Amino acid sequence: MPPSFDQDKLFSEPLTEIGDFRFDAAVARVFPDMINRSVPGYGTVIGIAGVIAAHYAQAHSAIYDLGCSLGATTLAVRHRVSAPGCQLIAVDNSEAMLQRCRQHIEADTSLLPVQLVCADILDITPRDASVVILNFTLQFIAPAQRAALIRRIYHHLRPGGALILSEKIAFSDAHQQQQLDDLHIAFKKANGYSDMEISQKRAALEKVLLPETLDQHQQRLRDAGFTTLRQWFQCLNFASLLAIK
């Protein structure tokens, strides 16, 4: 049986001190509720990531889900990919998240092999990969370390391989940034979060989740060597890019 999860009430009471957001056991228990109520279009990104992965997966290659959390993207890929001899490698640095991910994988009946790895994705080399997925993961990496990670992914991708990069995005225009911030807050309120929950979680994430503009992401991908870039999704201030080697 897959693990059950609780409703996200982590920031529902006043906190005397708000520490940096961490993907610990408390977050793991509420993560499905948290991310669906916080990230507009999340379900679409996960589902289509599986479709894209199946399209670009090459026989006898590896598919990497970097920052796999509870394995939603891993399972979406596992249900779609039919190329022979593929292996999924799901990586996360939170043992609490991977523990629940493991339960989801064990409860799943798909046959595509999955290897779970507890590690910092900066230490991972995606060997012989035809697909690499970074769904809402790069934003938690220090900006100075992002280019090296993208270059390493490009270098180890097979020709014709794909990188799926999904992120919360920032905007260079201050008016547009404020509009999208306001709409994102409205989205979270519509999903039942209070002003206090939104404010306290934002404070916890302030130094941890560091978004960039689409132009910054696209330029980094070009600098790494990717020549074919497609923005295939955007919902409010969340977007996903497809980069082909």
Protein backbone atom coordinates (compact mmCIF):
# COMPACT_ATOMS: atom_id res chain seq x y z
CA MET A 1 0.00 0.00 0.00
CA PRO A 2 1.29 3.49 -0.80
CA PRO A 3 1.72 5.76 2.24
CA SER A 4 -1.15 8.02 3.25
CA PHE A 5 -0.57 11.74 3.61
CA ASP A 6 -1.93 14.50 5.82
CA GLN A 7 -3.37 17.89 5.03
CA ASP A 8 -0.73 20.62 5.02
CA LYS A 9 -1.10 22.58 8.27
CA LEU A 10 2.62 23.15 8.89
CA PHE A 11 2.26 26.94 8.95
CA SER A 12 -1.29 27.18 10.30
CA GLU A 13 -0.22 28.32 13.79
CA PRO A 14 1.86 31.41 14.61
CA LEU A 15 5.56 30.57 14.76
CA THR A 16 7.88 32.47 17.10
CA GLU A 17 10.82 31.67 14.85
CA ILE A 18 10.65 30.71 11.18
CA GLY A 19 13.61 28.63 10.04
CA ASP A 20 14.62 27.85 6.49
CA PHE A 21 12.32 25.43 4.69
CA ARG A 22 13.56 21.82 4.76
CA PHE A 23 12.28 18.66 3.10
CA ASP A 24 12.08 16.79 6.39
CA ALA A 25 9.69 14.13 7.69
CA ALA A 26 7.01 16.71 8.52
CA VAL A 27 7.04 18.03 4.95
CA ALA A 28 7.11 14.50 3.52
CA ARG A 29 3.89 13.66 5.39
CA VAL A 30 1.98 16.56 3.78
CA PHE A 31 3.89 17.05 0.53
CA PRO A 32 1.23 15.86 -1.97
CA ASP A 33 -1.33 18.23 -0.43
CA MET A 34 1.21 21.05 -0.12
CA ILE A 35 2.46 21.00 -3.69
CA ASN A 36 -0.94 20.59 -5.33
CA ARG A 37 -2.32 23.54 -3.35
CA SER A 38 0.80 25.66 -3.93
CA VAL A 39 1.93 25.02 -7.52
CA PRO A 40 -0.61 25.85 -10.22
CA GLY A 41 -0.59 23.30 -13.01
CA TYR A 42 1.48 20.79 -11.03
CA GLY A 43 -0.57 17.77 -12.11
CA THR A 44 -0.29 18.77 -15.76
CA VAL A 45 3.50 19.14 -15.54
CA ILE A 46 3.85 15.71 -13.94
CA GLY A 47 1.59 13.95 -16.42
CA ILE A 48 3.10 15.53 -19.52
CA ALA A 49 6.62 14.90 -18.22
CA GLY A 50 5.77 11.21 -18.49
CA VAL A 51 4.56 11.69 -22.07
CA ILE A 52 7.69 13.66 -23.05
CA ALA A 53 9.98 11.13 -21.40
CA ALA A 54 8.32 8.29 -23.30
CA HIS A 55 8.78 10.16 -26.59
CA TYR A 56 12.52 10.78 -26.07
CA ALA A 57 13.51 7.65 -24.13
CA GLN A 58 16.04 5.60 -26.08
CA ALA A 59 16.45 1.86 -25.83
CA HIS A 60 18.89 0.61 -23.20
CA SER A 61 19.40 4.05 -21.67
CA ALA A 62 18.96 5.68 -18.28
CA ILE A 63 16.24 8.17 -17.33
CA TYR A 64 17.06 10.43 -14.38
CA ASP A 65 14.54 12.15 -12.11
CA LEU A 66 16.72 14.59 -10.17
CA GLY A 67 15.00 15.85 -7.04
CA CYS A 68 12.36 13.13 -7.19
CA SER A 69 10.71 13.93 -3.81
CA LEU A 70 7.89 11.39 -3.32
CA GLY A 71 8.21 10.03 -6.84
CA ALA A 72 5.26 11.59 -8.66
CA THR A 73 7.31 12.25 -11.80
CA THR A 74 9.12 8.93 -11.48
CA LEU A 75 5.79 7.10 -11.51
CA ALA A 76 4.45 9.18 -14.42
CA VAL A 77 7.54 8.21 -16.43
CA ARG A 78 7.37 4.60 -15.30
CA HIS A 79 3.78 4.31 -16.56
CA ARG A 80 4.63 5.75 -19.99
CA VAL A 81 8.07 4.60 -21.10
CA SER A 82 8.05 1.47 -23.26
CA ALA A 83 11.50 1.64 -24.90
CA PRO A 84 13.30 -1.64 -24.12
CA GLY A 85 16.08 -1.86 -21.58
CA CYS A 86 15.50 1.48 -19.87
CA GLN A 87 16.17 2.12 -16.20
CA LEU A 88 14.82 4.95 -14.05
CA ILE A 89 17.16 6.53 -11.52
CA ALA A 90 15.37 8.71 -8.97
CA VAL A 91 17.58 10.94 -6.83
CA ASP A 92 16.81 13.04 -3.77
CA ASN A 93 18.90 14.29 -0.86
CA SER A 94 16.08 13.86 1.69
CA GLU A 95 15.91 10.39 3.21
CA ALA A 96 12.46 11.23 4.61
CA MET A 97 11.16 11.94 1.10
CA LEU A 98 12.86 8.88 -0.39
CA GLN A 99 11.42 6.62 2.29
CA ARG A 100 7.90 7.52 1.20
CA CYS A 101 8.93 7.46 -2.46
CA ARG A 102 10.13 3.89 -1.96
CA GLN A 103 6.71 2.91 -0.61
CA HIS A 104 5.02 4.44 -3.66
CA ILE A 105 7.34 2.55 -5.99
CA GLU A 106 6.82 -0.74 -4.15
CA ALA A 107 3.04 -0.33 -4.36
CA ASP A 108 3.22 0.36 -8.11
CA THR A 109 2.83 -2.52 -10.55
CA SER A 110 4.75 -1.08 -13.52
CA LEU A 111 7.72 -3.12 -14.68
CA LEU A 112 10.27 -0.43 -15.56
CA PRO A 113 13.17 -0.83 -13.07
CA VAL A 114 13.66 2.05 -10.62
CA GLN A 115 16.81 2.73 -8.62
CA LEU A 116 16.41 5.15 -5.71
CA VAL A 117 19.50 7.13 -4.74
CA CYS A 118 19.85 9.33 -1.65
CA ALA A 119 22.39 11.94 -2.73
CA ASP A 120 22.94 15.58 -3.55
CA ILE A 121 22.15 15.94 -7.25
CA LEU A 122 25.31 18.06 -7.59
CA ASP A 123 27.22 14.84 -6.95
CA ILE A 124 25.33 12.84 -9.58
CA THR A 125 26.63 12.16 -13.09
CA PRO A 126 23.71 11.12 -15.34
CA ARG A 127 25.54 8.43 -17.27
CA ASP A 128 24.19 7.18 -20.62
CA ALA A 129 21.00 9.18 -20.16
CA SER A 130 18.40 9.79 -22.84
CA VAL A 131 16.10 11.81 -20.53
CA VAL A 132 16.85 13.94 -17.47
CA ILE A 133 14.09 15.63 -15.47
CA LEU A 134 14.47 18.55 -13.08
CA ASN A 135 10.95 19.27 -11.86
CA PHE A 136 10.98 22.22 -9.45
CA THR A 137 14.47 21.24 -8.29
CA LEU A 138 17.01 23.65 -9.80
CA GLN A 139 15.37 26.52 -7.90
CA PHE A 140 16.69 24.99 -4.64
CA ILE A 141 20.29 24.83 -5.92
CA ALA A 142 22.58 27.78 -5.21
CA PRO A 143 22.55 29.99 -8.36
CA ALA A 144 26.33 29.85 -8.68
CA GLN A 145 26.17 26.04 -8.97
CA ARG A 146 23.38 25.79 -11.54
CA ALA A 147 25.41 26.27 -14.72
CA ALA A 148 27.84 23.47 -13.87
CA LEU A 149 24.95 21.08 -13.21
CA ILE A 150 23.28 21.90 -16.54
CA ARG A 151 26.59 21.53 -18.39
CA ARG A 152 27.16 18.13 -16.81
CA ILE A 153 23.67 16.98 -17.77
CA TYR A 154 24.22 18.12 -21.36
CA HIS A 155 27.61 16.42 -21.58
CA HIS A 156 26.26 13.05 -20.46
CA LEU A 157 23.00 13.10 -22.42
CA ARG A 158 22.88 10.94 -25.51
CA PRO A 159 22.52 12.82 -28.81
CA GLY A 160 18.82 13.46 -29.27
CA GLY A 161 18.30 13.23 -25.52
CA ALA A 162 15.96 15.53 -23.61
CA LEU A 163 16.09 17.65 -20.49
CA ILE A 164 12.78 18.67 -18.88
CA LEU A 165 13.24 21.70 -16.63
CA SER A 166 10.28 22.94 -14.58
CA GLU A 167 10.65 25.95 -12.29
CA LYS A 168 9.00 28.76 -10.45
CA ILE A 169 10.00 31.78 -12.52
CA ALA A 170 10.75 35.41 -11.83
CA PHE A 171 10.07 38.39 -14.10
CA SER A 172 12.38 41.26 -14.98
CA ASP A 173 9.44 43.69 -15.19
CA ALA A 174 8.45 44.75 -11.66
CA HIS A 175 4.80 45.30 -12.57
CA GLN A 176 4.50 41.86 -14.14
CA GLN A 177 6.25 40.32 -11.13
CA GLN A 178 3.75 41.92 -8.74
CA GLN A 179 0.78 40.85 -10.86
CA LEU A 180 1.91 37.22 -10.96
CA ASP A 181 2.79 37.22 -7.25
CA ASP A 182 -0.68 38.51 -6.44
CA LEU A 183 -2.31 35.88 -8.64
CA HIS A 184 -0.21 33.14 -7.04
CA ILE A 185 -1.35 34.27 -3.60
CA ALA A 186 -4.94 34.28 -4.84
CA PHE A 187 -4.45 30.72 -6.10
CA LYS A 188 -3.21 29.58 -2.70
CA LYS A 189 -6.06 31.34 -0.91
CA ALA A 190 -8.53 29.65 -3.25
CA ASN A 191 -7.00 26.35 -2.13
CA GLY A 192 -7.65 27.10 1.53
CA TYR A 193 -4.41 28.65 2.75
CA SER A 194 -4.72 31.59 5.15
CA ASP A 195 -2.78 34.84 4.93
CA MET A 196 -0.68 33.69 7.90
CA GLU A 197 0.14 30.34 6.29
CA ILE A 198 1.14 32.02 3.04
CA SER A 199 3.26 34.64 4.82
CA GLN A 200 5.05 32.17 7.11
CA LYS A 201 5.80 29.71 4.34
CA ARG A 202 7.09 32.50 2.12
CA ALA A 203 9.45 33.56 4.92
CA ALA A 204 10.68 29.97 5.28
CA LEU A 205 11.36 29.73 1.55
CA GLU A 206 12.85 33.19 1.09
CA LYS A 207 16.50 32.10 1.29
CA VAL A 208 15.95 28.58 -0.03
CA LEU A 209 13.86 28.84 -3.21
CA LEU A 210 15.56 31.33 -5.54
CA PRO A 211 13.68 31.74 -8.84
CA GLU A 212 15.14 33.11 -12.05
CA THR A 213 13.64 34.49 -15.25
CA LEU A 214 12.92 32.35 -18.27
CA ASP A 215 15.61 34.28 -20.15
CA GLN A 216 18.18 33.28 -17.52
CA HIS A 217 17.19 29.63 -17.75
CA GLN A 218 17.21 29.65 -21.54
CA GLN A 219 20.58 31.38 -21.75
CA ARG A 220 22.10 28.85 -19.34
CA LEU A 221 20.76 25.99 -21.45
CA ARG A 222 22.19 27.54 -24.63
CA ASP A 223 25.53 28.13 -22.93
CA ALA A 224 25.63 24.44 -21.97
CA GLY A 225 25.17 23.45 -25.62
CA PHE A 226 21.43 22.91 -26.04
CA THR A 227 20.27 24.32 -29.37
CA THR A 228 16.61 23.26 -29.40
CA LEU A 229 14.59 24.88 -26.61
CA ARG A 230 10.82 24.85 -26.20
CA GLN A 231 8.73 26.43 -23.48
CA TRP A 232 5.89 23.93 -23.43
CA PHE A 233 4.06 25.06 -20.29
CA GLN A 234 3.32 28.08 -18.14
CA CYS A 235 0.68 28.61 -15.46
CA LEU A 236 1.02 31.89 -13.58
CA ASN A 237 4.62 32.02 -12.32
CA PHE A 238 5.49 28.38 -12.98
CA ALA A 239 6.88 27.14 -16.29
CA SER A 240 8.52 24.16 -17.95
CA LEU A 241 11.12 24.00 -20.69
CA LEU A 242 12.13 21.17 -23.01
CA ALA A 243 15.76 21.18 -24.16
CA ILE A 244 17.05 18.72 -26.77
CA LYS A 245 20.70 17.81 -27.36
